[in-house]
């Protein structure tokens, strides 16, 4: 998916948000915004948004001298989601279709702002979201491919929601699937890293790799041009590829490889590209 003019305000808003997480110094906030605006003047709109974000956040880190502005947010998200994990397992156990419920919960994890909600509000949110419309036209194809697959490449999105991923991963493992779980090599926004995956115990049920290992900076989505040799080999050879979140959709939706995307539509441009309303939970395949 290419970048649009409408993406520019989002890049700037996120830049200011990240700067404010690192310092109260308004002069630094202003410097971040000005530097990012200067960088955005020369971008190619043919590149996907995660590629632009990759460079935007490098400017933010350089100016603020903070390697991980979202560190506290990620820690809060992981702590909150870990408390919810037993309930998620119970929901899957009691579901008429455990696979479909696990998929839906994995997507729901992408909805929740864990750092801004208390436990009871999040529980209410889960209950309400489970009852909402779910665009799952690709579910029959998902099941068909899954039944034929032995190896699965699963691309993670954010910290916190990795515990929601874990429920789906365990459902897949129960079906005798071998999973490689892909995270980021470096901090980028609130995306999950190897540290987050191990903290959630995902390394006990899947092989955890950094999809962009060897890179000094990461993007909020796995970009094939910056991907590691290990990832590219898995991407090519895995029987099935599942990708979580909008960033991975933006990065890989034009790939010739069949990819099943699990995401919440959070942006009008993605909504137009995916042909779904903002806020919808979506299971989509790109082929």
C-alpha atoms as a PDB file:
ATOM      1  CA  UNK A   1       0.000   0.000   0.000  1.00  0.00           C
ATOM      2  CA  UNK A   2       1.447   3.366  -0.988  1.00  0.00           C
ATOM      3  CA  UNK A   3       1.535   6.539   1.112  1.00  0.00           C
ATOM      4  CA  UNK A   4      -1.039   9.302   0.573  1.00  0.00           C
ATOM      5  CA  UNK A   5      -1.111  13.010   1.366  1.00  0.00           C
ATOM      6  CA  UNK A   6      -3.651  12.198   4.057  1.00  0.00           C
ATOM      7  CA  UNK A   7      -0.909  10.241   5.878  1.00  0.00           C
ATOM      8  CA  UNK A   8       1.133  13.392   6.497  1.00  0.00           C
ATOM      9  CA  UNK A   9      -0.950  14.758   9.421  1.00  0.00           C
ATOM     10  CA  UNK A  10      -0.768  11.327  11.079  1.00  0.00           C
ATOM     11  CA  UNK A  11       3.028  11.261  10.823  1.00  0.00           C
ATOM     12  CA  UNK A  12       3.182  14.696  12.438  1.00  0.00           C
ATOM     13  CA  UNK A  13       0.672  13.852  15.158  1.00  0.00           C
ATOM     14  CA  UNK A  14       2.571  10.696  16.050  1.00  0.00           C
ATOM     15  CA  UNK A  15       5.859  12.600  16.080  1.00  0.00           C
ATOM     16  CA  UNK A  16       4.531  15.104  18.588  1.00  0.00           C
ATOM     17  CA  UNK A  17       3.017  12.307  20.682  1.00  0.00           C
ATOM     18  CA  UNK A  18       6.337  10.450  20.837  1.00  0.00           C
ATOM     19  CA  UNK A  19       8.273  13.620  21.644  1.00  0.00           C
ATOM     20  CA  UNK A  20       5.920  14.433  24.518  1.00  0.00           C
ATOM     21  CA  UNK A  21       6.449  10.938  25.919  1.00  0.00           C
ATOM     22  CA  UNK A  22      10.170  11.617  26.258  1.00  0.00           C
ATOM     23  CA  UNK A  23      10.256  15.153  27.639  1.00  0.00           C
ATOM     24  CA  UNK A  24       8.190  18.143  28.751  1.00  0.00           C
ATOM     25  CA  UNK A  25      10.569  20.496  26.921  1.00  0.00           C
ATOM     26  CA  UNK A  26       8.426  22.294  24.338  1.00  0.00           C
ATOM     27  CA  UNK A  27      11.522  23.431  22.456  1.00  0.00           C
ATOM     28  CA  UNK A  28      12.373  19.803  21.765  1.00  0.00           C
ATOM     29  CA  UNK A  29       8.754  19.120  20.774  1.00  0.00           C
ATOM     30  CA  UNK A  30       8.992  21.944  18.251  1.00  0.00           C
ATOM     31  CA  UNK A  31      12.348  20.735  16.950  1.00  0.00           C
ATOM     32  CA  UNK A  32      10.966  17.231  16.400  1.00  0.00           C
ATOM     33  CA  UNK A  33       7.962  18.507  14.463  1.00  0.00           C
ATOM     34  CA  UNK A  34      10.089  20.851  12.336  1.00  0.00           C
ATOM     35  CA  UNK A  35      12.642  18.147  11.506  1.00  0.00           C
ATOM     36  CA  UNK A  36       9.939  15.657  10.599  1.00  0.00           C
ATOM     37  CA  UNK A  37       8.167  18.245   8.430  1.00  0.00           C
ATOM     38  CA  UNK A  38      11.465  18.876   6.648  1.00  0.00           C
ATOM     39  CA  UNK A  39      11.978  15.152   6.043  1.00  0.00           C
ATOM     40  CA  UNK A  40       8.418  14.661   4.775  1.00  0.00           C
ATOM     41  CA  UNK A  41       8.938  17.274   2.048  1.00  0.00           C
ATOM     42  CA  UNK A  42      11.108  14.843   0.083  1.00  0.00           C
ATOM     43  CA  UNK A  43       9.460  11.451   0.601  1.00  0.00           C
ATOM     44  CA  UNK A  44       8.279   9.213  -2.222  1.00  0.00           C
ATOM     45  CA  UNK A  45       4.563   8.552  -1.976  1.00  0.00           C
ATOM     46  CA  UNK A  46       5.150   5.254  -3.768  1.00  0.00           C
ATOM     47  CA  UNK A  47       6.689   3.877  -0.573  1.00  0.00           C
ATOM     48  CA  UNK A  48       4.385   2.292   2.033  1.00  0.00           C
ATOM     49  CA  UNK A  49       3.594   4.244   5.233  1.00  0.00           C
ATOM     50  CA  UNK A  50       5.696   1.952   7.489  1.00  0.00           C
ATOM     51  CA  UNK A  51       8.780   2.826   5.449  1.00  0.00           C
ATOM     52  CA  UNK A  52       8.138   6.531   6.033  1.00  0.00           C
ATOM     53  CA  UNK A  53       7.473   5.899   9.748  1.00  0.00           C
ATOM     54  CA  UNK A  54      10.766   4.035   9.988  1.00  0.00           C
ATOM     55  CA  UNK A  55      12.661   7.210   9.128  1.00  0.00           C
ATOM     56  CA  UNK A  56      10.317   9.578  10.990  1.00  0.00           C
ATOM     57  CA  UNK A  57      10.942   7.773  14.263  1.00  0.00           C
ATOM     58  CA  UNK A  58      14.688   7.758  13.702  1.00  0.00           C
ATOM     59  CA  UNK A  59      14.511  11.569  13.603  1.00  0.00           C
ATOM     60  CA  UNK A  60      12.492  11.502  16.842  1.00  0.00           C
ATOM     61  CA  UNK A  61      15.002   9.238  18.606  1.00  0.00           C
ATOM     62  CA  UNK A  62      17.961  11.307  17.444  1.00  0.00           C
ATOM     63  CA  UNK A  63      16.502  14.609  18.618  1.00  0.00           C
ATOM     64  CA  UNK A  64      15.057  13.387  21.929  1.00  0.00           C
ATOM     65  CA  UNK A  65      18.019  11.068  22.628  1.00  0.00           C
ATOM     66  CA  UNK A  66      15.495   8.430  23.666  1.00  0.00           C
ATOM     67  CA  UNK A  67      15.792   5.011  22.032  1.00  0.00           C
ATOM     68  CA  UNK A  68      12.341   3.797  23.111  1.00  0.00           C
ATOM     69  CA  UNK A  69       9.759   6.568  23.737  1.00  0.00           C
ATOM     70  CA  UNK A  70       6.942   4.024  24.109  1.00  0.00           C
ATOM     71  CA  UNK A  71       8.733   1.781  26.631  1.00  0.00           C
ATOM     72  CA  UNK A  72       6.404   2.603  29.537  1.00  0.00           C
ATOM     73  CA  UNK A  73       3.303   2.231  27.341  1.00  0.00           C
ATOM     74  CA  UNK A  74       4.478  -1.211  26.215  1.00  0.00           C
ATOM     75  CA  UNK A  75       5.165  -2.317  29.781  1.00  0.00           C
ATOM     76  CA  UNK A  76       1.686  -1.190  30.865  1.00  0.00           C
ATOM     77  CA  UNK A  77       0.098  -2.905  27.876  1.00  0.00           C
ATOM     78  CA  UNK A  78       1.855  -6.188  28.585  1.00  0.00           C
ATOM     79  CA  UNK A  79       0.930  -6.093  32.278  1.00  0.00           C
ATOM     80  CA  UNK A  80      -2.743  -5.418  31.528  1.00  0.00           C
ATOM     81  CA  UNK A  81      -3.012  -8.030  28.786  1.00  0.00           C
ATOM     82  CA  UNK A  82      -1.290 -10.668  30.902  1.00  0.00           C
ATOM     83  CA  UNK A  83      -4.052 -10.299  33.506  1.00  0.00           C
ATOM     84  CA  UNK A  84      -6.666 -10.822  30.787  1.00  0.00           C
ATOM     85  CA  UNK A  85      -5.025 -13.913  29.324  1.00  0.00           C
ATOM     86  CA  UNK A  86      -6.825 -16.524  31.525  1.00  0.00           C
ATOM     87  CA  UNK A  87     -10.194 -15.085  30.491  1.00  0.00           C
ATOM     88  CA  UNK A  88      -9.227 -15.212  26.836  1.00  0.00           C
ATOM     89  CA  UNK A  89      -8.367 -18.890  27.207  1.00  0.00           C
ATOM     90  CA  UNK A  90     -11.754 -19.508  28.802  1.00  0.00           C
ATOM     91  CA  UNK A  91     -13.560 -17.756  25.945  1.00  0.00           C
ATOM     92  CA  UNK A  92     -11.824 -19.978  23.399  1.00  0.00           C
ATOM     93  CA  UNK A  93     -12.481 -23.109  25.456  1.00  0.00           C
ATOM     94  CA  UNK A  94     -16.228 -22.384  25.644  1.00  0.00           C
ATOM     95  CA  UNK A  95     -16.680 -21.265  22.032  1.00  0.00           C
ATOM     96  CA  UNK A  96     -18.662 -23.275  19.484  1.00  0.00           C
ATOM     97  CA  UNK A  97     -15.842 -22.621  17.010  1.00  0.00           C
ATOM     98  CA  UNK A  98     -12.607 -22.314  18.995  1.00  0.00           C
ATOM     99  CA  UNK A  99     -10.519 -21.346  15.963  1.00  0.00           C
ATOM    100  CA  UNK A 100     -12.844 -18.537  14.931  1.00  0.00           C
ATOM    101  CA  UNK A 101     -12.997 -17.231  18.512  1.00  0.00           C
ATOM    102  CA  UNK A 102      -9.197 -17.319  18.807  1.00  0.00           C
ATOM    103  CA  UNK A 103      -8.879 -15.401  15.531  1.00  0.00           C
ATOM    104  CA  UNK A 104     -11.400 -12.820  16.661  1.00  0.00           C
ATOM    105  CA  UNK A 105      -9.672 -12.358  20.021  1.00  0.00           C
ATOM    106  CA  UNK A 106      -6.316 -11.926  18.279  1.00  0.00           C
ATOM    107  CA  UNK A 107      -7.870  -9.119  16.246  1.00  0.00           C
ATOM    108  CA  UNK A 108      -9.627  -7.617  19.282  1.00  0.00           C
ATOM    109  CA  UNK A 109      -6.212  -7.280  20.918  1.00  0.00           C
ATOM    110  CA  UNK A 110      -5.418  -4.757  18.207  1.00  0.00           C
ATOM    111  CA  UNK A 111      -8.365  -2.568  19.267  1.00  0.00           C
ATOM    112  CA  UNK A 112      -7.561  -1.991  22.899  1.00  0.00           C
ATOM    113  CA  UNK A 113      -5.486   0.849  24.290  1.00  0.00           C
ATOM    114  CA  UNK A 114      -4.261  -1.164  27.267  1.00  0.00           C
ATOM    115  CA  UNK A 115      -2.370   1.710  28.824  1.00  0.00           C
ATOM    116  CA  UNK A 116      -5.456   3.933  28.963  1.00  0.00           C
ATOM    117  CA  UNK A 117      -7.988   1.449  30.325  1.00  0.00           C
ATOM    118  CA  UNK A 118      -8.509  -0.280  33.634  1.00  0.00           C
ATOM    119  CA  UNK A 119      -9.078  -4.006  33.808  1.00  0.00           C
ATOM    120  CA  UNK A 120     -12.846  -3.823  34.132  1.00  0.00           C
ATOM    121  CA  UNK A 121     -13.247  -1.441  31.213  1.00  0.00           C
ATOM    122  CA  UNK A 122     -11.134  -3.748  29.056  1.00  0.00           C
ATOM    123  CA  UNK A 123     -13.289  -6.735  30.004  1.00  0.00           C
ATOM    124  CA  UNK A 124     -16.394  -4.780  28.993  1.00  0.00           C
ATOM    125  CA  UNK A 125     -14.664  -3.790  25.780  1.00  0.00           C
ATOM    126  CA  UNK A 126     -13.877  -7.416  24.956  1.00  0.00           C
ATOM    127  CA  UNK A 127     -17.491  -8.462  25.574  1.00  0.00           C
ATOM    128  CA  UNK A 128     -18.852  -5.690  23.364  1.00  0.00           C
ATOM    129  CA  UNK A 129     -16.317  -6.264  20.598  1.00  0.00           C
ATOM    130  CA  UNK A 130     -16.978 -10.009  20.450  1.00  0.00           C
ATOM    131  CA  UNK A 131     -20.587  -9.163  19.590  1.00  0.00           C
ATOM    132  CA  UNK A 132     -19.710  -6.683  16.839  1.00  0.00           C
ATOM    133  CA  UNK A 133     -19.759  -7.482  13.137  1.00  0.00           C
ATOM    134  CA  UNK A 134     -16.671  -9.332  11.969  1.00  0.00           C
ATOM    135  CA  UNK A 135     -15.688  -9.256   8.297  1.00  0.00           C
ATOM    136  CA  UNK A 136     -14.492 -12.833   7.873  1.00  0.00           C
ATOM    137  CA  UNK A 137     -15.256 -13.670   4.249  1.00  0.00           C
ATOM    138  CA  UNK A 138     -11.802 -15.249   4.048  1.00  0.00           C
ATOM    139  CA  UNK A 139     -12.431 -17.631   6.970  1.00  0.00           C
ATOM    140  CA  UNK A 140     -13.345 -20.661   4.797  1.00  0.00           C
ATOM    141  CA  UNK A 141     -10.161 -20.135   2.780  1.00  0.00           C
ATOM    142  CA  UNK A 142      -8.199 -19.619   6.020  1.00  0.00           C
ATOM    143  CA  UNK A 143      -9.420 -22.984   7.347  1.00  0.00           C
ATOM    144  CA  UNK A 144      -8.740 -24.728   4.050  1.00  0.00           C
ATOM    145  CA  UNK A 145      -5.155 -23.456   3.871  1.00  0.00           C
ATOM    146  CA  UNK A 146      -4.621 -24.142   7.574  1.00  0.00           C
ATOM    147  CA  UNK A 147      -5.738 -27.755   7.224  1.00  0.00           C
ATOM    148  CA  UNK A 148      -3.151 -28.300   4.484  1.00  0.00           C
ATOM    149  CA  UNK A 149      -0.361 -26.463   6.313  1.00  0.00           C
ATOM    150  CA  UNK A 150       2.340 -27.694   8.654  1.00  0.00           C
ATOM    151  CA  UNK A 151       4.457 -24.549   8.997  1.00  0.00           C
ATOM    152  CA  UNK A 152       3.034 -21.094   9.747  1.00  0.00           C
ATOM    153  CA  UNK A 153       4.760 -17.714   9.699  1.00  0.00           C
ATOM    154  CA  UNK A 154       2.918 -15.352  12.074  1.00  0.00           C
ATOM    155  CA  UNK A 155       3.794 -11.635  11.988  1.00  0.00           C
ATOM    156  CA  UNK A 156       3.122  -9.829  15.266  1.00  0.00           C
ATOM    157  CA  UNK A 157       1.985  -6.262  15.744  1.00  0.00           C
ATOM    158  CA  UNK A 158       1.967  -4.557  19.155  1.00  0.00           C
ATOM    159  CA  UNK A 159       3.004  -5.198  22.731  1.00  0.00           C
ATOM    160  CA  UNK A 160       0.026  -6.097  24.912  1.00  0.00           C
ATOM    161  CA  UNK A 161      -1.897  -7.714  22.101  1.00  0.00           C
ATOM    162  CA  UNK A 162       0.787 -10.409  21.933  1.00  0.00           C
ATOM    163  CA  UNK A 163      -1.109 -12.123  24.773  1.00  0.00           C
ATOM    164  CA  UNK A 164      -4.164 -12.148  22.479  1.00  0.00           C
ATOM    165  CA  UNK A 165      -1.912 -13.601  19.760  1.00  0.00           C
ATOM    166  CA  UNK A 166      -0.794 -16.260  22.218  1.00  0.00           C
ATOM    167  CA  UNK A 167      -4.339 -17.612  22.466  1.00  0.00           C
ATOM    168  CA  UNK A 168      -4.469 -18.078  18.689  1.00  0.00           C
ATOM    169  CA  UNK A 169      -0.953 -19.493  18.575  1.00  0.00           C
ATOM    170  CA  UNK A 170      -1.896 -22.101  21.172  1.00  0.00           C
ATOM    171  CA  UNK A 171      -4.977 -23.012  19.145  1.00  0.00           C
ATOM    172  CA  UNK A 172      -2.761 -23.500  16.091  1.00  0.00           C
ATOM    173  CA  UNK A 173      -0.218 -25.549  18.055  1.00  0.00           C
ATOM    174  CA  UNK A 174      -3.057 -27.771  19.293  1.00  0.00           C
ATOM    175  CA  UNK A 175      -3.632 -28.538  15.612  1.00  0.00           C
ATOM    176  CA  UNK A 176      -0.018 -29.727  15.283  1.00  0.00           C
ATOM    177  CA  UNK A 177       1.266 -26.624  13.477  1.00  0.00           C
ATOM    178  CA  UNK A 178       4.872 -25.398  13.680  1.00  0.00           C
ATOM    179  CA  UNK A 179       4.956 -21.627  14.115  1.00  0.00           C
ATOM    180  CA  UNK A 180       7.575 -18.947  13.582  1.00  0.00           C
ATOM    181  CA  UNK A 181       6.540 -15.734  15.364  1.00  0.00           C
ATOM    182  CA  UNK A 182       7.952 -12.531  13.891  1.00  0.00           C
ATOM    183  CA  UNK A 183       8.610  -9.353  15.892  1.00  0.00           C
ATOM    184  CA  UNK A 184      10.776  -6.227  15.433  1.00  0.00           C
ATOM    185  CA  UNK A 185      14.524  -6.110  16.028  1.00  0.00           C
ATOM    186  CA  UNK A 186      14.395  -2.587  17.482  1.00  0.00           C
ATOM    187  CA  UNK A 187      11.883  -0.421  19.358  1.00  0.00           C
ATOM    188  CA  UNK A 188       9.420   1.301  17.019  1.00  0.00           C
ATOM    189  CA  UNK A 189       6.252   2.906  18.408  1.00  0.00           C
ATOM    190  CA  UNK A 190       4.554   0.229  20.564  1.00  0.00           C
ATOM    191  CA  UNK A 191       5.400  -2.716  18.302  1.00  0.00           C
ATOM    192  CA  UNK A 192       6.423  -5.987  19.927  1.00  0.00           C
ATOM    193  CA  UNK A 193      10.101  -6.948  20.128  1.00  0.00           C
ATOM    194  CA  UNK A 194      11.830 -10.216  21.033  1.00  0.00           C
ATOM    195  CA  UNK A 195      11.826  -9.063  24.665  1.00  0.00           C
ATOM    196  CA  UNK A 196       8.030  -8.694  24.645  1.00  0.00           C
ATOM    197  CA  UNK A 197       7.487 -12.077  22.989  1.00  0.00           C
ATOM    198  CA  UNK A 198       9.684 -13.867  25.515  1.00  0.00           C
ATOM    199  CA  UNK A 199       8.025 -12.041  28.396  1.00  0.00           C
ATOM    200  CA  UNK A 200       4.683 -13.399  27.160  1.00  0.00           C
ATOM    201  CA  UNK A 201       6.116 -16.921  26.944  1.00  0.00           C
ATOM    202  CA  UNK A 202       5.604 -17.156  23.206  1.00  0.00           C
ATOM    203  CA  UNK A 203       9.097 -18.600  22.796  1.00  0.00           C
ATOM    204  CA  UNK A 204       7.798 -21.694  24.612  1.00  0.00           C
ATOM    205  CA  UNK A 205       5.267 -22.461  21.861  1.00  0.00           C
ATOM    206  CA  UNK A 206       6.847 -20.936  18.741  1.00  0.00           C
ATOM    207  CA  UNK A 207      10.204 -19.971  17.318  1.00  0.00           C
ATOM    208  CA  UNK A 208      10.603 -16.217  17.839  1.00  0.00           C
ATOM    209  CA  UNK A 209      12.613 -14.217  15.300  1.00  0.00           C
ATOM    210  CA  UNK A 210      13.172 -10.550  14.521  1.00  0.00           C
ATOM    211  CA  UNK A 211      11.968 -10.071  10.971  1.00  0.00           C
ATOM    212  CA  UNK A 212      14.409  -7.240  10.383  1.00  0.00           C
ATOM    213  CA  UNK A 213      17.371  -8.652  12.336  1.00  0.00           C
ATOM    214  CA  UNK A 214      20.597  -6.875  11.432  1.00  0.00           C
ATOM    215  CA  UNK A 215      18.921  -3.503  10.857  1.00  0.00           C
ATOM    216  CA  UNK A 216      19.725  -0.624  13.219  1.00  0.00           C
ATOM    217  CA  UNK A 217      16.185   0.753  13.016  1.00  0.00           C
ATOM    218  CA  UNK A 218      12.805  -0.902  12.543  1.00  0.00           C
ATOM    219  CA  UNK A 219       9.544  -0.077  10.792  1.00  0.00           C
ATOM    220  CA  UNK A 220       6.025  -0.583  12.205  1.00  0.00           C
ATOM    221  CA  UNK A 221       5.496  -3.448   9.777  1.00  0.00           C
ATOM    222  CA  UNK A 222       7.803  -5.970   8.111  1.00  0.00           C
ATOM    223  CA  UNK A 223       9.191  -4.433   4.922  1.00  0.00           C
ATOM    224  CA  UNK A 224      10.661  -7.040   2.595  1.00  0.00           C
ATOM    225  CA  UNK A 225      13.446  -4.694   1.447  1.00  0.00           C
ATOM    226  CA  UNK A 226      14.742  -4.500   5.037  1.00  0.00           C
ATOM    227  CA  UNK A 227      13.884  -8.054   6.100  1.00  0.00           C
ATOM    228  CA  UNK A 228      16.481 -10.529   7.334  1.00  0.00           C
ATOM    229  CA  UNK A 229      17.607 -13.509   5.265  1.00  0.00           C
ATOM    230  CA  UNK A 230      15.999 -15.797   7.857  1.00  0.00           C
ATOM    231  CA  UNK A 231      12.663 -14.026   7.532  1.00  0.00           C
ATOM    232  CA  UNK A 232      12.733 -14.038   3.733  1.00  0.00           C
ATOM    233  CA  UNK A 233      13.438 -17.769   3.705  1.00  0.00           C
ATOM    234  CA  UNK A 234      10.499 -18.365   6.060  1.00  0.00           C
ATOM    235  CA  UNK A 235       8.263 -16.020   4.070  1.00  0.00           C
ATOM    236  CA  UNK A 236       9.059 -17.968   0.932  1.00  0.00           C
ATOM    237  CA  UNK A 237       8.845 -21.482   2.365  1.00  0.00           C
ATOM    238  CA  UNK A 238       6.119 -21.363   5.053  1.00  0.00           C
ATOM    239  CA  UNK A 239       2.925 -23.175   4.165  1.00  0.00           C
ATOM    240  CA  UNK A 240       0.852 -20.281   5.532  1.00  0.00           C
ATOM    241  CA  UNK A 241       1.498 -16.632   6.423  1.00  0.00           C
ATOM    242  CA  UNK A 242      -0.615 -14.718   8.958  1.00  0.00           C
ATOM    243  CA  UNK A 243       0.016 -11.002   9.535  1.00  0.00           C
ATOM    244  CA  UNK A 244      -1.413  -8.948  12.376  1.00  0.00           C
ATOM    245  CA  UNK A 245      -2.245  -5.259  12.363  1.00  0.00           C
ATOM    246  CA  UNK A 246      -2.509  -2.335  10.022  1.00  0.00           C
ATOM    247  CA  UNK A 247       1.254  -1.777   9.731  1.00  0.00           C
ATOM    248  CA  UNK A 248       1.861  -5.258   8.362  1.00  0.00           C
ATOM    249  CA  UNK A 249      -1.103  -4.801   6.020  1.00  0.00           C
ATOM    250  CA  UNK A 250       0.362  -1.547   4.693  1.00  0.00           C
ATOM    251  CA  UNK A 251       3.758  -3.222   4.250  1.00  0.00           C
ATOM    252  CA  UNK A 252       2.674  -6.506   2.661  1.00  0.00           C
ATOM    253  CA  UNK A 253      -0.750  -6.068   1.049  1.00  0.00           C
ATOM    254  CA  UNK A 254       0.850  -5.782  -2.399  1.00  0.00           C
ATOM    255  CA  UNK A 255       2.965  -8.903  -1.931  1.00  0.00           C
ATOM    256  CA  UNK A 256       2.539 -11.688  -4.476  1.00  0.00           C
ATOM    257  CA  UNK A 257       2.729 -14.177  -1.612  1.00  0.00           C
ATOM    258  CA  UNK A 258      -0.623 -15.254  -0.129  1.00  0.00           C
ATOM    259  CA  UNK A 259      -1.015 -13.546   3.261  1.00  0.00           C
ATOM    260  CA  UNK A 260      -3.938 -13.701   5.678  1.00  0.00           C
ATOM    261  CA  UNK A 261      -4.314 -10.329   7.409  1.00  0.00           C
ATOM    262  CA  UNK A 262      -5.918  -9.971  10.854  1.00  0.00           C
ATOM    263  CA  UNK A 263      -6.562  -6.351  11.720  1.00  0.00           C
ATOM    264  CA  UNK A 264      -8.808  -3.600  12.945  1.00  0.00           C
ATOM    265  CA  UNK A 265      -9.325  -0.891  10.338  1.00  0.00           C
ATOM    266  CA  UNK A 266      -8.069   2.290  12.021  1.00  0.00           C
ATOM    267  CA  UNK A 267      -7.651   4.691   9.117  1.00  0.00           C
ATOM    268  CA  UNK A 268      -9.897   5.900   6.263  1.00  0.00           C
ATOM    269  CA  UNK A 269      -7.198   5.162   3.687  1.00  0.00           C
ATOM    270  CA  UNK A 270      -6.823   1.556   4.811  1.00  0.00           C
ATOM    271  CA  UNK A 271     -10.622   1.356   4.963  1.00  0.00           C
ATOM    272  CA  UNK A 272     -10.786   2.371   1.301  1.00  0.00           C
ATOM    273  CA  UNK A 273      -7.992   0.002   0.315  1.00  0.00           C
ATOM    274  CA  UNK A 274      -9.491  -2.940   2.189  1.00  0.00           C
ATOM    275  CA  UNK A 275     -13.113  -2.051   1.359  1.00  0.00           C
ATOM    276  CA  UNK A 276     -14.274  -1.978   4.981  1.00  0.00           C
ATOM    277  CA  UNK A 277     -15.450   0.692   7.402  1.00  0.00           C
ATOM    278  CA  UNK A 278     -13.158   2.226  10.022  1.00  0.00           C
ATOM    279  CA  UNK A 279     -13.428   0.248  13.251  1.00  0.00           C
ATOM    280  CA  UNK A 280     -14.279  -3.069  11.600  1.00  0.00           C
ATOM    281  CA  UNK A 281     -12.549  -6.295  12.604  1.00  0.00           C
ATOM    282  CA  UNK A 282     -11.250  -7.937   9.441  1.00  0.00           C
ATOM    283  CA  UNK A 283      -9.832 -11.271   8.329  1.00  0.00           C
ATOM    284  CA  UNK A 284      -8.657 -10.729   4.757  1.00  0.00           C
ATOM    285  CA  UNK A 285      -6.475 -12.545   2.262  1.00  0.00           C
ATOM    286  CA  UNK A 286      -4.599 -10.631  -0.435  1.00  0.00           C
ATOM    287  CA  UNK A 287      -4.994 -13.219  -3.210  1.00  0.00           C
END
